[in-house]
């Protein structure tokens, strides 16, 4: 909330987090085969819808500022959760492939 020279209150435009939502959506589509990937896919879709709501509420004018702020906060929360799940999914995938990849290589070498 800011004040101008006349003492009127005006609000900064809330962030819509649309780019973050799209990046989460694309990455979660790549990892949608696991449980965390599927959950992050759903959360990314919800975050993208909430980020679209921010723009919709801002077009309503002064009456839409409070719903736009709420939609912005919801989009941010969904994006944070989706990003954390995607990071955990990536770490789990790397650990899985390292452990079982080395096991397969050592088994192939032993069978030679």
C-alpha atoms as a PDB file:
ATOM      1  CA  UNK A   1       0.000   0.000   0.000  1.00  0.00           C
ATOM      2  CA  UNK A   2       1.404   3.368  -1.001  1.00  0.00           C
ATOM      3  CA  UNK A   3       0.333   6.993  -0.700  1.00  0.00           C
ATOM      4  CA  UNK A   4       0.498   9.637  -3.388  1.00  0.00           C
ATOM      5  CA  UNK A   5       0.921  13.391  -2.891  1.00  0.00           C
ATOM      6  CA  UNK A   6      -2.809  13.964  -2.293  1.00  0.00           C
ATOM      7  CA  UNK A   7      -2.887  11.401   0.519  1.00  0.00           C
ATOM      8  CA  UNK A   8      -4.871   8.858  -1.483  1.00  0.00           C
ATOM      9  CA  UNK A   9      -4.094   5.227  -0.956  1.00  0.00           C
ATOM     10  CA  UNK A  10      -3.242   3.125  -3.971  1.00  0.00           C
ATOM     11  CA  UNK A  11      -2.170  -0.478  -4.149  1.00  0.00           C
ATOM     12  CA  UNK A  12       0.666  -2.008  -6.085  1.00  0.00           C
ATOM     13  CA  UNK A  13      -0.401  -4.485  -8.723  1.00  0.00           C
ATOM     14  CA  UNK A  14      -0.178  -7.981  -7.221  1.00  0.00           C
ATOM     15  CA  UNK A  15       2.087 -10.456  -8.950  1.00  0.00           C
ATOM     16  CA  UNK A  16       0.243 -13.139 -10.901  1.00  0.00           C
ATOM     17  CA  UNK A  17       3.077 -15.749 -10.923  1.00  0.00           C
ATOM     18  CA  UNK A  18       1.992 -16.877 -14.381  1.00  0.00           C
ATOM     19  CA  UNK A  19       5.508 -17.647 -15.654  1.00  0.00           C
ATOM     20  CA  UNK A  20       6.296 -19.692 -12.547  1.00  0.00           C
ATOM     21  CA  UNK A  21       3.021 -21.600 -12.995  1.00  0.00           C
ATOM     22  CA  UNK A  22       3.799 -22.387 -16.636  1.00  0.00           C
ATOM     23  CA  UNK A  23       7.330 -23.563 -15.808  1.00  0.00           C
ATOM     24  CA  UNK A  24       5.973 -25.778 -13.025  1.00  0.00           C
ATOM     25  CA  UNK A  25       3.352 -27.133 -15.413  1.00  0.00           C
ATOM     26  CA  UNK A  26       5.910 -28.023 -18.096  1.00  0.00           C
ATOM     27  CA  UNK A  27       8.307 -29.663 -15.641  1.00  0.00           C
ATOM     28  CA  UNK A  28       5.519 -31.576 -13.916  1.00  0.00           C
ATOM     29  CA  UNK A  29       4.319 -32.879 -17.295  1.00  0.00           C
ATOM     30  CA  UNK A  30       7.808 -34.318 -17.779  1.00  0.00           C
ATOM     31  CA  UNK A  31       7.702 -36.014 -14.348  1.00  0.00           C
ATOM     32  CA  UNK A  32       4.020 -36.924 -14.206  1.00  0.00           C
ATOM     33  CA  UNK A  33       4.708 -40.679 -14.023  1.00  0.00           C
ATOM     34  CA  UNK A  34       5.420 -40.566 -10.291  1.00  0.00           C
ATOM     35  CA  UNK A  35       3.127 -39.710  -7.414  1.00  0.00           C
ATOM     36  CA  UNK A  36       4.859 -36.405  -6.643  1.00  0.00           C
ATOM     37  CA  UNK A  37       4.834 -35.497 -10.316  1.00  0.00           C
ATOM     38  CA  UNK A  38       1.109 -36.119 -10.600  1.00  0.00           C
ATOM     39  CA  UNK A  39       0.335 -34.058  -7.512  1.00  0.00           C
ATOM     40  CA  UNK A  40       2.556 -31.220  -8.726  1.00  0.00           C
ATOM     41  CA  UNK A  41       0.822 -31.371 -12.119  1.00  0.00           C
ATOM     42  CA  UNK A  42      -2.559 -30.813 -10.462  1.00  0.00           C
ATOM     43  CA  UNK A  43      -1.167 -28.051  -8.243  1.00  0.00           C
ATOM     44  CA  UNK A  44       0.455 -26.361 -11.241  1.00  0.00           C
ATOM     45  CA  UNK A  45      -2.849 -26.343 -13.116  1.00  0.00           C
ATOM     46  CA  UNK A  46      -4.612 -24.839 -10.088  1.00  0.00           C
ATOM     47  CA  UNK A  47      -1.828 -22.232  -9.740  1.00  0.00           C
ATOM     48  CA  UNK A  48      -2.179 -21.303 -13.407  1.00  0.00           C
ATOM     49  CA  UNK A  49      -5.934 -20.863 -12.969  1.00  0.00           C
ATOM     50  CA  UNK A  50      -5.383 -18.694  -9.893  1.00  0.00           C
ATOM     51  CA  UNK A  51      -2.839 -16.584 -11.753  1.00  0.00           C
ATOM     52  CA  UNK A  52      -5.405 -16.009 -14.477  1.00  0.00           C
ATOM     53  CA  UNK A  53      -7.884 -14.960 -11.781  1.00  0.00           C
ATOM     54  CA  UNK A  54      -5.485 -12.211 -10.674  1.00  0.00           C
ATOM     55  CA  UNK A  55      -5.725 -10.533 -14.081  1.00  0.00           C
ATOM     56  CA  UNK A  56      -9.484 -11.039 -14.163  1.00  0.00           C
ATOM     57  CA  UNK A  57      -9.988  -9.422 -10.761  1.00  0.00           C
ATOM     58  CA  UNK A  58      -7.690  -6.508 -11.572  1.00  0.00           C
ATOM     59  CA  UNK A  59      -9.829  -5.671 -14.598  1.00  0.00           C
ATOM     60  CA  UNK A  60     -12.761  -5.176 -12.211  1.00  0.00           C
ATOM     61  CA  UNK A  61     -11.125  -2.061 -10.826  1.00  0.00           C
ATOM     62  CA  UNK A  62     -10.941  -1.047  -7.186  1.00  0.00           C
ATOM     63  CA  UNK A  63     -13.444  -3.686  -6.069  1.00  0.00           C
ATOM     64  CA  UNK A  64     -11.216  -6.453  -7.393  1.00  0.00           C
ATOM     65  CA  UNK A  65      -8.055  -5.582  -5.465  1.00  0.00           C
ATOM     66  CA  UNK A  66      -8.787  -7.770  -2.432  1.00  0.00           C
ATOM     67  CA  UNK A  67      -9.766 -10.860  -4.485  1.00  0.00           C
ATOM     68  CA  UNK A  68      -6.741 -10.279  -6.732  1.00  0.00           C
ATOM     69  CA  UNK A  69      -4.420 -10.236  -3.704  1.00  0.00           C
ATOM     70  CA  UNK A  70      -6.013 -13.432  -2.394  1.00  0.00           C
ATOM     71  CA  UNK A  71      -5.701 -15.147  -5.783  1.00  0.00           C
ATOM     72  CA  UNK A  72      -2.071 -13.998  -6.013  1.00  0.00           C
ATOM     73  CA  UNK A  73      -1.275 -15.445  -2.586  1.00  0.00           C
ATOM     74  CA  UNK A  74      -3.017 -18.714  -3.486  1.00  0.00           C
ATOM     75  CA  UNK A  75      -1.083 -18.975  -6.768  1.00  0.00           C
ATOM     76  CA  UNK A  76       2.176 -18.373  -4.909  1.00  0.00           C
ATOM     77  CA  UNK A  77       1.346 -21.041  -2.311  1.00  0.00           C
ATOM     78  CA  UNK A  78       0.409 -23.637  -4.939  1.00  0.00           C
ATOM     79  CA  UNK A  79       3.568 -22.855  -6.911  1.00  0.00           C
ATOM     80  CA  UNK A  80       5.766 -23.241  -3.826  1.00  0.00           C
ATOM     81  CA  UNK A  81       4.250 -26.619  -2.991  1.00  0.00           C
ATOM     82  CA  UNK A  82       4.499 -27.809  -6.610  1.00  0.00           C
ATOM     83  CA  UNK A  83       8.136 -26.686  -6.854  1.00  0.00           C
ATOM     84  CA  UNK A  84       9.083 -28.458  -3.616  1.00  0.00           C
ATOM     85  CA  UNK A  85       7.415 -31.660  -4.829  1.00  0.00           C
ATOM     86  CA  UNK A  86       9.199 -31.426  -8.174  1.00  0.00           C
ATOM     87  CA  UNK A  87      12.574 -30.927  -6.495  1.00  0.00           C
ATOM     88  CA  UNK A  88      11.940 -33.924  -4.230  1.00  0.00           C
ATOM     89  CA  UNK A  89      10.887 -35.932  -7.276  1.00  0.00           C
ATOM     90  CA  UNK A  90      14.064 -34.984  -9.172  1.00  0.00           C
ATOM     91  CA  UNK A  91      16.277 -35.862  -6.204  1.00  0.00           C
ATOM     92  CA  UNK A  92      14.466 -39.171  -5.760  1.00  0.00           C
ATOM     93  CA  UNK A  93      14.828 -39.982  -9.446  1.00  0.00           C
ATOM     94  CA  UNK A  94      18.550 -39.248  -9.442  1.00  0.00           C
ATOM     95  CA  UNK A  95      19.098 -41.369  -6.320  1.00  0.00           C
ATOM     96  CA  UNK A  96      17.028 -44.204  -7.806  1.00  0.00           C
ATOM     97  CA  UNK A  97      18.929 -44.216 -11.081  1.00  0.00           C
ATOM     98  CA  UNK A  98      22.309 -43.944  -9.376  1.00  0.00           C
ATOM     99  CA  UNK A  99      21.612 -46.827  -6.988  1.00  0.00           C
ATOM    100  CA  UNK A 100      19.899 -49.162  -9.426  1.00  0.00           C
ATOM    101  CA  UNK A 101      22.001 -48.043 -12.382  1.00  0.00           C
ATOM    102  CA  UNK A 102      25.220 -49.018 -10.624  1.00  0.00           C
ATOM    103  CA  UNK A 103      23.627 -52.286  -9.545  1.00  0.00           C
ATOM    104  CA  UNK A 104      22.717 -53.110 -13.149  1.00  0.00           C
ATOM    105  CA  UNK A 105      26.194 -52.191 -14.386  1.00  0.00           C
ATOM    106  CA  UNK A 106      27.918 -54.277 -11.719  1.00  0.00           C
ATOM    107  CA  UNK A 107      25.594 -57.210 -12.476  1.00  0.00           C
ATOM    108  CA  UNK A 108      26.360 -56.924 -16.199  1.00  0.00           C
ATOM    109  CA  UNK A 109      30.099 -56.862 -15.483  1.00  0.00           C
ATOM    110  CA  UNK A 110      29.781 -59.893 -13.191  1.00  0.00           C
ATOM    111  CA  UNK A 111      27.948 -61.860 -15.884  1.00  0.00           C
ATOM    112  CA  UNK A 112      30.749 -61.322 -18.416  1.00  0.00           C
END
